[in-house]
N, C-alpha and C. Protein backbone atom coordinates (compact mmCIF):
# COMPACT_ATOMS: atom_id res chain seq x y z
N MET A 1 -2.26 52.68 -7.18
CA MET A 1 -2.17 51.26 -7.56
C MET A 1 -0.89 50.67 -6.98
N PRO A 2 -0.94 49.48 -6.32
CA PRO A 2 0.23 48.91 -5.67
C PRO A 2 1.32 48.60 -6.68
N SER A 3 2.56 48.76 -6.23
CA SER A 3 3.71 48.44 -7.08
C SER A 3 3.78 46.94 -7.31
N SER A 4 4.16 46.57 -8.53
CA SER A 4 4.23 45.15 -8.88
C SER A 4 5.34 44.43 -8.14
N ASP A 5 6.33 45.25 -7.61
CA ASP A 5 7.42 44.61 -6.89
C ASP A 5 7.22 44.66 -5.38
N ASN A 6 5.99 44.93 -4.95
CA ASN A 6 5.65 44.92 -3.54
C ASN A 6 5.81 43.49 -3.00
N PRO A 7 6.62 43.29 -1.94
CA PRO A 7 6.83 41.94 -1.41
C PRO A 7 5.54 41.24 -1.03
N ASP A 8 4.56 42.01 -0.50
CA ASP A 8 3.29 41.39 -0.12
C ASP A 8 2.56 40.86 -1.35
N ASN A 9 2.61 41.60 -2.45
CA ASN A 9 1.98 41.13 -3.69
C ASN A 9 2.68 39.89 -4.23
N GLU A 10 4.00 39.88 -4.14
CA GLU A 10 4.76 38.73 -4.63
C GLU A 10 4.45 37.50 -3.79
N TRP A 11 4.37 37.69 -2.45
CA TRP A 11 4.06 36.56 -1.58
C TRP A 11 2.67 36.01 -1.89
N LYS A 12 1.69 36.89 -2.06
CA LYS A 12 0.33 36.43 -2.34
C LYS A 12 0.26 35.72 -3.68
N SER A 13 0.98 36.22 -4.68
CA SER A 13 0.99 35.57 -5.99
C SER A 13 1.54 34.16 -5.89
N LEU A 14 2.62 34.01 -5.12
CA LEU A 14 3.22 32.69 -4.95
C LEU A 14 2.30 31.78 -4.15
N TRP A 15 1.70 32.31 -3.09
CA TRP A 15 0.75 31.52 -2.29
C TRP A 15 -0.41 31.03 -3.16
N ASP A 16 -0.98 31.93 -3.94
CA ASP A 16 -2.11 31.57 -4.80
C ASP A 16 -1.71 30.50 -5.81
N ALA A 17 -0.50 30.61 -6.36
CA ALA A 17 -0.03 29.62 -7.34
C ALA A 17 0.16 28.26 -6.69
N ARG A 18 0.69 28.26 -5.48
CA ARG A 18 0.87 26.99 -4.76
C ARG A 18 -0.48 26.36 -4.43
N GLN A 19 -1.40 27.18 -3.94
CA GLN A 19 -2.72 26.65 -3.60
C GLN A 19 -3.43 26.13 -4.84
N SER A 20 -3.28 26.80 -5.96
CA SER A 20 -3.90 26.35 -7.20
C SER A 20 -3.34 24.99 -7.61
N ALA A 21 -2.03 24.81 -7.46
CA ALA A 21 -1.41 23.53 -7.81
C ALA A 21 -1.94 22.42 -6.91
N LEU A 22 -2.09 22.70 -5.63
CA LEU A 22 -2.58 21.69 -4.70
C LEU A 22 -4.05 21.35 -4.96
N THR A 23 -4.87 22.36 -5.22
CA THR A 23 -6.29 22.08 -5.47
C THR A 23 -6.49 21.33 -6.78
N SER A 24 -5.55 21.45 -7.71
CA SER A 24 -5.68 20.71 -8.97
C SER A 24 -5.58 19.20 -8.72
N VAL A 25 -4.98 18.82 -7.61
CA VAL A 25 -4.83 17.40 -7.25
C VAL A 25 -5.83 17.00 -6.17
N LEU A 26 -5.99 17.84 -5.16
CA LEU A 26 -6.74 17.47 -3.95
C LEU A 26 -8.15 18.05 -3.90
N GLY A 27 -8.53 18.84 -4.88
CA GLY A 27 -9.84 19.45 -4.88
C GLY A 27 -9.84 20.73 -4.06
N GLU A 28 -11.01 21.32 -3.87
CA GLU A 28 -11.10 22.58 -3.15
C GLU A 28 -10.72 22.43 -1.68
N THR A 29 -10.10 23.46 -1.14
CA THR A 29 -9.77 23.43 0.28
C THR A 29 -11.04 23.61 1.11
N ASP A 30 -10.92 23.33 2.40
CA ASP A 30 -12.08 23.58 3.29
C ASP A 30 -12.02 24.98 3.89
N GLY A 31 -11.08 25.79 3.40
CA GLY A 31 -10.97 27.16 3.87
C GLY A 31 -10.09 27.33 5.10
N MET A 32 -9.64 26.22 5.66
CA MET A 32 -8.83 26.30 6.87
C MET A 32 -7.35 26.40 6.52
N VAL A 33 -6.66 27.38 7.09
CA VAL A 33 -5.21 27.50 6.97
C VAL A 33 -4.63 27.43 8.37
N LEU A 34 -3.73 26.48 8.58
CA LEU A 34 -3.06 26.35 9.87
C LEU A 34 -1.76 27.15 9.78
N HIS A 35 -1.75 28.31 10.40
CA HIS A 35 -0.62 29.22 10.28
C HIS A 35 0.48 28.87 11.28
N ALA A 36 1.73 28.94 10.80
CA ALA A 36 2.88 28.75 11.67
C ALA A 36 3.08 30.01 12.52
N LEU A 37 3.55 29.84 13.76
CA LEU A 37 3.80 30.98 14.63
C LEU A 37 4.90 31.87 14.06
N ILE A 38 5.96 31.24 13.52
CA ILE A 38 7.04 31.98 12.87
C ILE A 38 6.97 31.64 11.39
N PRO A 39 6.85 32.63 10.50
CA PRO A 39 6.73 32.36 9.07
C PRO A 39 7.88 31.53 8.53
N PHE A 40 7.58 30.72 7.54
CA PHE A 40 8.57 29.82 6.96
C PHE A 40 9.77 30.59 6.42
N HIS A 41 9.51 31.72 5.75
CA HIS A 41 10.61 32.47 5.14
C HIS A 41 11.51 33.14 6.18
N LEU A 42 11.08 33.11 7.44
CA LEU A 42 11.91 33.63 8.52
C LEU A 42 12.53 32.50 9.33
N GLY A 43 12.49 31.30 8.76
CA GLY A 43 13.10 30.16 9.43
C GLY A 43 12.16 29.35 10.28
N GLY A 44 10.86 29.63 10.19
CA GLY A 44 9.88 28.92 10.99
C GLY A 44 9.30 27.70 10.29
N GLN A 45 8.09 27.35 10.68
CA GLN A 45 7.42 26.19 10.13
C GLN A 45 6.55 26.60 8.97
N ALA A 46 5.99 25.61 8.29
CA ALA A 46 5.18 25.89 7.10
C ALA A 46 3.71 26.06 7.45
N ASP A 47 3.04 26.94 6.72
CA ASP A 47 1.58 27.00 6.78
C ASP A 47 1.03 25.75 6.09
N VAL A 48 -0.11 25.29 6.57
CA VAL A 48 -0.73 24.05 6.06
C VAL A 48 -2.17 24.35 5.69
N ILE A 49 -2.62 23.81 4.54
CA ILE A 49 -4.02 23.94 4.16
C ILE A 49 -4.67 22.57 4.16
N CYS A 50 -5.99 22.55 4.34
CA CYS A 50 -6.70 21.29 4.56
C CYS A 50 -7.78 21.05 3.50
N PHE A 51 -8.06 19.78 3.27
CA PHE A 51 -9.00 19.36 2.24
C PHE A 51 -9.89 18.25 2.80
N HIS A 52 -11.20 18.42 2.70
CA HIS A 52 -12.14 17.41 3.19
C HIS A 52 -12.81 16.62 2.07
N ASN A 53 -12.58 16.99 0.82
CA ASN A 53 -13.32 16.36 -0.28
C ASN A 53 -12.48 15.46 -1.17
N HIS A 54 -11.22 15.26 -0.82
CA HIS A 54 -10.36 14.41 -1.66
C HIS A 54 -10.58 12.94 -1.35
N VAL A 55 -10.52 12.59 -0.09
CA VAL A 55 -10.82 11.24 0.40
C VAL A 55 -11.67 11.42 1.66
N PRO A 56 -12.39 10.39 2.10
CA PRO A 56 -13.10 10.51 3.37
C PRO A 56 -12.12 10.87 4.49
N GLY A 57 -12.51 11.78 5.34
CA GLY A 57 -11.58 12.25 6.36
C GLY A 57 -10.99 13.58 5.93
N ARG A 58 -9.74 13.81 6.30
CA ARG A 58 -9.11 15.09 5.96
C ARG A 58 -7.68 14.89 5.49
N VAL A 59 -7.34 15.57 4.41
CA VAL A 59 -5.97 15.65 3.90
C VAL A 59 -5.42 17.02 4.27
N ALA A 60 -4.18 17.05 4.69
CA ALA A 60 -3.49 18.32 4.96
C ALA A 60 -2.22 18.36 4.12
N ALA A 61 -1.89 19.54 3.62
CA ALA A 61 -0.69 19.69 2.81
C ALA A 61 -0.01 21.01 3.13
N THR A 62 1.31 20.99 3.16
CA THR A 62 2.04 22.24 3.31
C THR A 62 1.83 23.10 2.07
N CYS A 63 1.97 24.41 2.23
CA CYS A 63 1.77 25.33 1.10
C CYS A 63 2.86 26.39 1.11
N GLU A 64 4.11 25.92 1.26
CA GLU A 64 5.25 26.84 1.34
C GLU A 64 6.43 26.39 0.48
N LEU A 65 6.37 25.19 -0.10
CA LEU A 65 7.58 24.58 -0.65
C LEU A 65 7.70 24.59 -2.16
N LEU A 66 6.59 24.61 -2.89
CA LEU A 66 6.67 24.63 -4.35
C LEU A 66 7.40 25.89 -4.79
N GLY A 67 8.45 25.71 -5.55
CA GLY A 67 9.21 26.85 -6.03
C GLY A 67 10.16 27.45 -5.00
N GLU A 68 10.25 26.84 -3.81
CA GLU A 68 11.13 27.34 -2.76
C GLU A 68 12.59 27.01 -3.11
N GLU A 69 13.38 28.05 -3.31
CA GLU A 69 14.77 27.86 -3.77
C GLU A 69 15.63 27.11 -2.77
N SER A 70 15.32 27.23 -1.48
CA SER A 70 16.16 26.57 -0.48
C SER A 70 15.85 25.08 -0.31
N GLN A 71 14.73 24.63 -0.87
CA GLN A 71 14.38 23.21 -0.74
C GLN A 71 15.32 22.35 -1.59
N LYS A 72 15.72 21.23 -1.05
CA LYS A 72 16.52 20.27 -1.80
C LYS A 72 15.57 19.39 -2.60
N LYS A 73 15.56 19.54 -3.90
CA LYS A 73 14.61 18.84 -4.76
C LYS A 73 14.85 17.33 -4.72
N ASN A 74 13.77 16.58 -4.88
CA ASN A 74 13.89 15.13 -5.02
C ASN A 74 13.48 14.74 -6.44
N GLN A 75 13.20 13.48 -6.67
CA GLN A 75 12.88 13.03 -8.03
C GLN A 75 11.57 13.62 -8.55
N LEU A 76 10.73 14.15 -7.65
CA LEU A 76 9.52 14.83 -8.08
C LEU A 76 9.83 16.24 -8.59
N GLY A 77 10.95 16.77 -8.16
CA GLY A 77 11.29 18.16 -8.40
C GLY A 77 11.08 18.93 -7.12
N THR A 78 10.44 20.07 -7.19
CA THR A 78 10.03 20.80 -5.99
C THR A 78 8.71 20.20 -5.50
N TYR A 79 8.50 20.11 -4.19
CA TYR A 79 7.34 19.35 -3.72
C TYR A 79 6.82 19.86 -2.39
N GLU A 80 5.55 19.56 -2.14
CA GLU A 80 4.92 19.81 -0.85
C GLU A 80 4.72 18.47 -0.14
N LEU A 81 4.59 18.53 1.17
CA LEU A 81 4.31 17.36 1.99
C LEU A 81 2.81 17.27 2.25
N MET A 82 2.29 16.06 2.33
CA MET A 82 0.88 15.86 2.66
C MET A 82 0.71 14.69 3.60
N ILE A 83 -0.41 14.69 4.31
CA ILE A 83 -0.75 13.60 5.22
C ILE A 83 -2.26 13.48 5.25
N ALA A 84 -2.77 12.27 5.47
CA ALA A 84 -4.22 12.04 5.52
C ALA A 84 -4.59 11.36 6.82
N HIS A 85 -5.66 11.84 7.43
CA HIS A 85 -6.24 11.21 8.61
C HIS A 85 -7.71 10.89 8.31
N ARG A 86 -8.26 9.93 9.03
CA ARG A 86 -9.67 9.57 8.85
C ARG A 86 -10.60 10.57 9.55
N ASP A 87 -10.02 11.41 10.40
CA ASP A 87 -10.80 12.40 11.13
C ASP A 87 -10.06 13.74 11.06
N ASP A 88 -10.42 14.66 11.92
CA ASP A 88 -9.79 15.99 11.92
C ASP A 88 -8.63 16.08 12.89
N ASN A 89 -7.93 14.99 13.07
CA ASN A 89 -6.75 14.95 13.93
C ASN A 89 -5.76 16.04 13.52
N THR A 90 -5.25 16.77 14.47
CA THR A 90 -4.30 17.85 14.15
C THR A 90 -2.85 17.42 14.29
N TRP A 91 -2.61 16.20 14.74
CA TRP A 91 -1.23 15.75 14.93
C TRP A 91 -0.46 15.76 13.61
N GLY A 92 -1.03 15.17 12.58
CA GLY A 92 -0.35 15.09 11.29
C GLY A 92 -0.06 16.44 10.67
N PRO A 93 -1.07 17.33 10.56
CA PRO A 93 -0.81 18.66 10.02
C PRO A 93 0.29 19.41 10.78
N ASN A 94 0.30 19.28 12.10
CA ASN A 94 1.34 19.94 12.89
C ASN A 94 2.72 19.37 12.59
N LEU A 95 2.79 18.05 12.40
CA LEU A 95 4.09 17.43 12.16
C LEU A 95 4.64 17.78 10.79
N ILE A 96 3.80 17.76 9.74
CA ILE A 96 4.34 18.11 8.42
C ILE A 96 4.70 19.60 8.36
N SER A 97 4.03 20.42 9.16
CA SER A 97 4.40 21.83 9.25
C SER A 97 5.83 21.97 9.74
N ARG A 98 6.19 21.16 10.75
CA ARG A 98 7.55 21.19 11.29
C ARG A 98 8.54 20.51 10.35
N LEU A 99 8.10 19.45 9.69
CA LEU A 99 8.99 18.68 8.82
C LEU A 99 9.36 19.46 7.55
N ALA A 100 8.55 20.42 7.17
CA ALA A 100 8.81 21.19 5.94
C ALA A 100 10.20 21.81 5.95
N ARG A 101 10.62 22.35 7.09
CA ARG A 101 11.94 22.97 7.18
C ARG A 101 13.05 21.96 6.89
N TYR A 102 12.83 20.71 7.28
CA TYR A 102 13.84 19.66 7.06
C TYR A 102 14.09 19.41 5.58
N THR A 103 13.09 19.67 4.73
CA THR A 103 13.28 19.43 3.30
C THR A 103 14.27 20.42 2.68
N CYS A 104 14.64 21.44 3.43
CA CYS A 104 15.66 22.39 2.97
C CYS A 104 17.05 21.95 3.41
N ASP A 105 17.10 20.93 4.25
CA ASP A 105 18.38 20.43 4.76
C ASP A 105 18.75 19.06 4.21
N ALA A 106 17.76 18.29 3.80
CA ALA A 106 18.02 16.92 3.33
C ALA A 106 17.03 16.56 2.23
N VAL A 107 17.41 15.62 1.38
CA VAL A 107 16.55 15.16 0.30
C VAL A 107 15.66 14.03 0.83
N LEU A 108 14.36 14.20 0.70
CA LEU A 108 13.40 13.15 1.05
C LEU A 108 12.85 12.57 -0.24
N GLU A 109 13.16 11.31 -0.50
CA GLU A 109 12.71 10.68 -1.74
C GLU A 109 11.56 9.71 -1.47
N PRO A 110 10.69 9.48 -2.45
CA PRO A 110 9.70 8.40 -2.33
C PRO A 110 10.42 7.09 -2.02
N GLY A 111 9.87 6.34 -1.08
CA GLY A 111 10.49 5.09 -0.66
C GLY A 111 11.38 5.23 0.55
N HIS A 112 11.80 6.46 0.87
CA HIS A 112 12.58 6.68 2.09
C HIS A 112 11.68 6.54 3.31
N THR A 113 12.29 6.25 4.44
CA THR A 113 11.58 6.21 5.71
C THR A 113 12.24 7.19 6.68
N MET A 114 11.49 7.56 7.72
CA MET A 114 12.02 8.44 8.76
C MET A 114 11.48 7.99 10.11
N ASP A 115 12.35 7.88 11.07
CA ASP A 115 11.96 7.56 12.44
C ASP A 115 11.30 8.78 13.07
N ILE A 116 10.06 8.64 13.50
CA ILE A 116 9.35 9.75 14.15
C ILE A 116 8.88 9.36 15.54
N GLY A 117 9.46 8.29 16.10
CA GLY A 117 9.03 7.77 17.39
C GLY A 117 8.85 8.81 18.47
N PRO A 118 9.82 9.73 18.66
CA PRO A 118 9.68 10.72 19.73
C PRO A 118 8.52 11.70 19.52
N ALA A 119 8.01 11.77 18.30
CA ALA A 119 6.97 12.77 17.99
C ALA A 119 5.56 12.21 18.04
N VAL A 120 5.40 10.89 18.19
CA VAL A 120 4.05 10.33 18.13
C VAL A 120 3.38 10.40 19.50
N PRO A 121 2.04 10.39 19.52
CA PRO A 121 1.32 10.44 20.80
C PRO A 121 1.60 9.20 21.65
N GLU A 122 1.44 9.34 22.95
CA GLU A 122 1.65 8.22 23.85
C GLU A 122 0.71 7.07 23.49
N GLY A 123 1.26 5.87 23.41
CA GLY A 123 0.47 4.69 23.10
C GLY A 123 0.32 4.41 21.62
N SER A 124 0.81 5.30 20.77
CA SER A 124 0.69 5.08 19.32
C SER A 124 1.53 3.90 18.88
N THR A 125 1.02 3.15 17.90
CA THR A 125 1.77 2.03 17.33
C THR A 125 2.65 2.47 16.16
N ILE A 126 2.53 3.72 15.75
CA ILE A 126 3.30 4.24 14.64
C ILE A 126 4.67 4.69 15.13
N SER A 127 5.70 4.35 14.38
CA SER A 127 7.04 4.79 14.79
C SER A 127 7.82 5.46 13.68
N GLY A 128 7.26 5.51 12.47
CA GLY A 128 7.99 6.14 11.37
C GLY A 128 7.07 6.58 10.25
N PHE A 129 7.65 7.28 9.30
CA PHE A 129 6.97 7.66 8.07
C PHE A 129 7.58 6.89 6.91
N LEU A 130 6.72 6.46 6.00
CA LEU A 130 7.14 6.02 4.67
C LEU A 130 6.69 7.11 3.72
N PHE A 131 7.62 7.61 2.91
CA PHE A 131 7.30 8.67 1.96
C PHE A 131 6.90 8.06 0.62
N VAL A 132 5.78 8.54 0.08
CA VAL A 132 5.18 7.96 -1.12
C VAL A 132 4.99 9.03 -2.19
N ASP A 133 5.33 8.70 -3.41
CA ASP A 133 5.09 9.56 -4.58
C ASP A 133 3.59 9.58 -4.83
N TYR A 134 2.93 10.68 -4.41
CA TYR A 134 1.47 10.72 -4.49
C TYR A 134 0.98 11.34 -5.78
N SER A 135 1.65 12.40 -6.24
CA SER A 135 1.20 13.07 -7.46
C SER A 135 2.35 13.88 -8.05
N ARG A 136 2.35 13.97 -9.39
CA ARG A 136 3.34 14.79 -10.09
C ARG A 136 2.62 15.76 -11.01
N PHE A 137 3.16 16.97 -11.09
CA PHE A 137 2.56 18.00 -11.93
C PHE A 137 3.62 19.05 -12.23
N LYS A 138 3.25 20.09 -12.92
CA LYS A 138 4.15 21.18 -13.21
C LYS A 138 3.80 22.38 -12.33
N PHE A 139 4.84 23.06 -11.86
CA PHE A 139 4.63 24.30 -11.12
C PHE A 139 5.50 25.37 -11.75
N ARG A 140 4.83 26.33 -12.38
CA ARG A 140 5.53 27.40 -13.09
C ARG A 140 6.56 26.85 -14.07
N GLY A 141 6.15 25.79 -14.77
CA GLY A 141 6.98 25.21 -15.81
C GLY A 141 8.01 24.20 -15.34
N GLU A 142 8.10 23.99 -14.03
CA GLU A 142 9.09 23.06 -13.49
C GLU A 142 8.42 21.81 -12.94
N ASN A 143 9.16 20.70 -12.89
CA ASN A 143 8.64 19.47 -12.30
C ASN A 143 8.34 19.69 -10.82
N ALA A 144 7.21 19.13 -10.40
CA ALA A 144 6.78 19.32 -9.01
C ALA A 144 5.89 18.14 -8.61
N GLY A 145 5.57 18.08 -7.32
CA GLY A 145 4.71 16.98 -6.89
C GLY A 145 4.31 17.06 -5.43
N LEU A 146 3.60 16.03 -5.00
CA LEU A 146 3.17 15.87 -3.62
C LEU A 146 3.81 14.61 -3.05
N LEU A 147 4.43 14.74 -1.89
CA LEU A 147 5.04 13.60 -1.21
C LEU A 147 4.18 13.25 0.00
N LEU A 148 3.54 12.08 -0.06
CA LEU A 148 2.68 11.63 1.03
C LEU A 148 3.52 11.07 2.16
N CYS A 149 3.20 11.49 3.38
CA CYS A 149 3.81 10.92 4.58
C CYS A 149 2.79 9.96 5.17
N ILE A 150 3.11 8.68 5.20
CA ILE A 150 2.18 7.70 5.74
C ILE A 150 2.83 7.00 6.93
N GLY A 151 2.13 6.98 8.05
CA GLY A 151 2.67 6.39 9.26
C GLY A 151 2.79 4.88 9.17
N VAL A 152 3.93 4.35 9.61
CA VAL A 152 4.17 2.90 9.60
C VAL A 152 4.64 2.44 10.97
N THR A 153 4.37 1.19 11.27
CA THR A 153 4.81 0.60 12.53
C THR A 153 6.29 0.23 12.44
N ALA A 154 6.87 -0.13 13.56
CA ALA A 154 8.31 -0.43 13.60
C ALA A 154 8.68 -1.58 12.67
N ASP A 155 7.85 -2.65 12.64
CA ASP A 155 8.20 -3.78 11.78
C ASP A 155 7.98 -3.45 10.31
N GLU A 156 6.99 -2.64 10.01
CA GLU A 156 6.79 -2.20 8.63
C GLU A 156 7.96 -1.34 8.15
N MET A 157 8.44 -0.46 9.04
CA MET A 157 9.56 0.39 8.68
C MET A 157 10.83 -0.45 8.51
N ALA A 158 11.01 -1.44 9.37
CA ALA A 158 12.18 -2.32 9.24
C ALA A 158 12.16 -3.05 7.90
N ALA A 159 10.97 -3.49 7.47
CA ALA A 159 10.86 -4.17 6.18
C ALA A 159 11.19 -3.21 5.04
N CYS A 160 10.73 -1.97 5.16
CA CYS A 160 11.06 -0.97 4.13
C CYS A 160 12.57 -0.79 4.02
N ARG A 161 13.25 -0.81 5.15
CA ARG A 161 14.70 -0.61 5.16
C ARG A 161 15.45 -1.85 4.68
N GLN A 162 14.71 -2.93 4.49
CA GLN A 162 15.27 -4.12 3.85
C GLN A 162 14.88 -4.17 2.37
N ARG A 163 14.57 -2.99 1.84
CA ARG A 163 14.22 -2.81 0.43
C ARG A 163 12.93 -3.51 0.04
N LYS A 164 11.99 -3.53 0.97
CA LYS A 164 10.68 -4.11 0.71
C LYS A 164 9.60 -3.03 0.69
N GLN A 165 9.98 -1.83 0.24
CA GLN A 165 9.03 -0.72 0.26
C GLN A 165 7.78 -1.02 -0.56
N GLN A 166 7.97 -1.60 -1.75
CA GLN A 166 6.82 -1.88 -2.60
C GLN A 166 5.90 -2.91 -1.96
N GLU A 167 6.50 -3.91 -1.31
CA GLU A 167 5.69 -4.92 -0.62
C GLU A 167 4.87 -4.29 0.50
N ILE A 168 5.50 -3.41 1.26
CA ILE A 168 4.80 -2.73 2.35
C ILE A 168 3.69 -1.84 1.80
N PHE A 169 4.02 -1.09 0.75
CA PHE A 169 3.01 -0.21 0.14
C PHE A 169 1.81 -1.03 -0.33
N ASP A 170 2.07 -2.14 -1.02
CA ASP A 170 0.97 -2.97 -1.52
C ASP A 170 0.14 -3.54 -0.38
N THR A 171 0.80 -3.93 0.71
CA THR A 171 0.09 -4.50 1.85
C THR A 171 -0.75 -3.43 2.57
N LEU A 172 -0.19 -2.23 2.71
CA LEU A 172 -0.95 -1.14 3.31
C LEU A 172 -2.19 -0.82 2.48
N LYS A 173 -2.02 -0.85 1.18
CA LYS A 173 -3.15 -0.57 0.29
C LYS A 173 -4.20 -1.67 0.39
N ALA A 174 -3.76 -2.92 0.38
CA ALA A 174 -4.70 -4.04 0.45
C ALA A 174 -5.45 -4.07 1.78
N ALA A 175 -4.78 -3.60 2.85
CA ALA A 175 -5.40 -3.60 4.17
C ALA A 175 -6.33 -2.42 4.39
N GLY A 176 -6.36 -1.48 3.44
CA GLY A 176 -7.21 -0.31 3.60
C GLY A 176 -6.58 0.80 4.43
N VAL A 177 -5.28 0.69 4.66
CA VAL A 177 -4.59 1.72 5.43
C VAL A 177 -4.27 2.93 4.55
N TYR A 178 -3.64 2.68 3.40
CA TYR A 178 -3.27 3.75 2.48
C TYR A 178 -4.50 4.54 2.04
N PRO A 179 -4.46 5.85 1.98
CA PRO A 179 -3.32 6.76 2.20
C PRO A 179 -3.23 7.33 3.61
N TYR A 180 -3.92 6.69 4.55
CA TYR A 180 -4.07 7.30 5.87
C TYR A 180 -2.92 6.98 6.82
N THR A 181 -2.69 7.90 7.73
CA THR A 181 -1.86 7.65 8.90
C THR A 181 -2.79 7.40 10.06
N ASP A 182 -2.84 6.15 10.50
CA ASP A 182 -3.66 5.75 11.65
C ASP A 182 -2.72 5.53 12.82
N LEU A 183 -2.87 6.31 13.85
CA LEU A 183 -1.90 6.33 14.94
C LEU A 183 -1.97 5.13 15.87
N PHE A 184 -3.08 4.43 15.88
CA PHE A 184 -3.25 3.35 16.84
C PHE A 184 -3.70 2.05 16.17
N ARG A 185 -3.15 1.77 15.01
CA ARG A 185 -3.56 0.57 14.28
C ARG A 185 -2.58 -0.58 14.51
N PRO A 186 -3.05 -1.81 14.32
CA PRO A 186 -2.13 -2.95 14.37
C PRO A 186 -1.27 -3.00 13.12
N SER A 187 -0.15 -3.69 13.22
CA SER A 187 0.72 -3.86 12.06
C SER A 187 0.03 -4.72 11.01
N VAL A 188 0.28 -4.43 9.74
CA VAL A 188 -0.28 -5.25 8.67
C VAL A 188 0.61 -6.44 8.34
N LEU A 189 1.72 -6.59 9.08
CA LEU A 189 2.67 -7.67 8.79
C LEU A 189 2.55 -8.85 9.74
N LYS A 190 1.52 -8.88 10.56
CA LYS A 190 1.34 -9.99 11.50
C LYS A 190 0.16 -10.84 11.03
N PRO A 191 0.43 -11.95 10.33
CA PRO A 191 -0.66 -12.79 9.80
C PRO A 191 -1.67 -13.20 10.84
N ALA A 192 -1.19 -13.45 12.07
CA ALA A 192 -2.10 -13.90 13.11
C ALA A 192 -3.13 -12.84 13.45
N GLN A 193 -2.81 -11.58 13.13
CA GLN A 193 -3.73 -10.50 13.43
C GLN A 193 -4.49 -10.04 12.19
N GLY A 194 -4.39 -10.82 11.12
CA GLY A 194 -5.00 -10.41 9.87
C GLY A 194 -6.47 -10.05 10.01
N SER A 195 -7.23 -10.91 10.69
CA SER A 195 -8.65 -10.62 10.82
C SER A 195 -8.88 -9.39 11.69
N VAL A 196 -7.92 -9.13 12.60
CA VAL A 196 -8.05 -7.96 13.47
C VAL A 196 -7.93 -6.68 12.66
N TRP A 197 -6.86 -6.57 11.83
CA TRP A 197 -6.74 -5.30 11.11
C TRP A 197 -7.78 -5.17 10.02
N ARG A 198 -8.30 -6.27 9.51
CA ARG A 198 -9.38 -6.13 8.54
C ARG A 198 -10.63 -5.56 9.21
N ARG A 199 -10.92 -6.02 10.43
CA ARG A 199 -12.06 -5.47 11.15
C ARG A 199 -11.81 -4.02 11.55
N PHE A 200 -10.55 -3.74 11.92
CA PHE A 200 -10.18 -2.40 12.35
C PHE A 200 -10.44 -1.38 11.25
N PHE A 201 -10.13 -1.76 9.99
CA PHE A 201 -10.29 -0.83 8.88
C PHE A 201 -11.59 -1.06 8.10
N GLY A 202 -12.45 -1.90 8.63
CA GLY A 202 -13.77 -2.02 8.02
C GLY A 202 -13.84 -2.98 6.85
N GLY A 203 -12.78 -3.77 6.64
CA GLY A 203 -12.79 -4.72 5.53
C GLY A 203 -13.41 -6.03 5.95
N LYS A 204 -13.35 -6.99 5.04
CA LYS A 204 -13.91 -8.31 5.34
C LYS A 204 -12.80 -9.21 5.86
N SER A 205 -13.09 -9.94 6.90
CA SER A 205 -12.09 -10.86 7.46
C SER A 205 -12.15 -12.18 6.72
């Protein structure tokens, strides 16, 4: 019988607990795990799991950070990163896998923004992330949660940095953007293009 202090058993127990916490919010996974080339505990990127039944499209979430002692906790407590796409785009899952390590170096709070311009695909209108308090729960008795990374355009990010985060969040939601990161969408802050982004996201103009 395996020893209870076997590192492999401890890792699996922690992985299972993290996955259970995520499925309690996002539903069952689709069975796909995007593995990092270098394990997170060795200084690499985070493994990511995917969900197809939470919202139309696909949600991806890191599964390495809940209970991670090196992570700098935010107001949620210990937290995982998540991103949503309308399709099976791998750009977002790959980026949050890399961003996970950064949460051990700096505090990312809901309402904060991050410039990601160099990391976006060529021609993308997205230039930053707005971090959103998506869900709060308990993990092994401690405060925990999910921090949504939602892509924003340069003018939307500028407005957030002028302390208009709630206004931007409400506008993204009204436009049908939230909770998705759409890499090639028009800005929701240009009234002249209002009918354009409504058509783009399937709403009524």
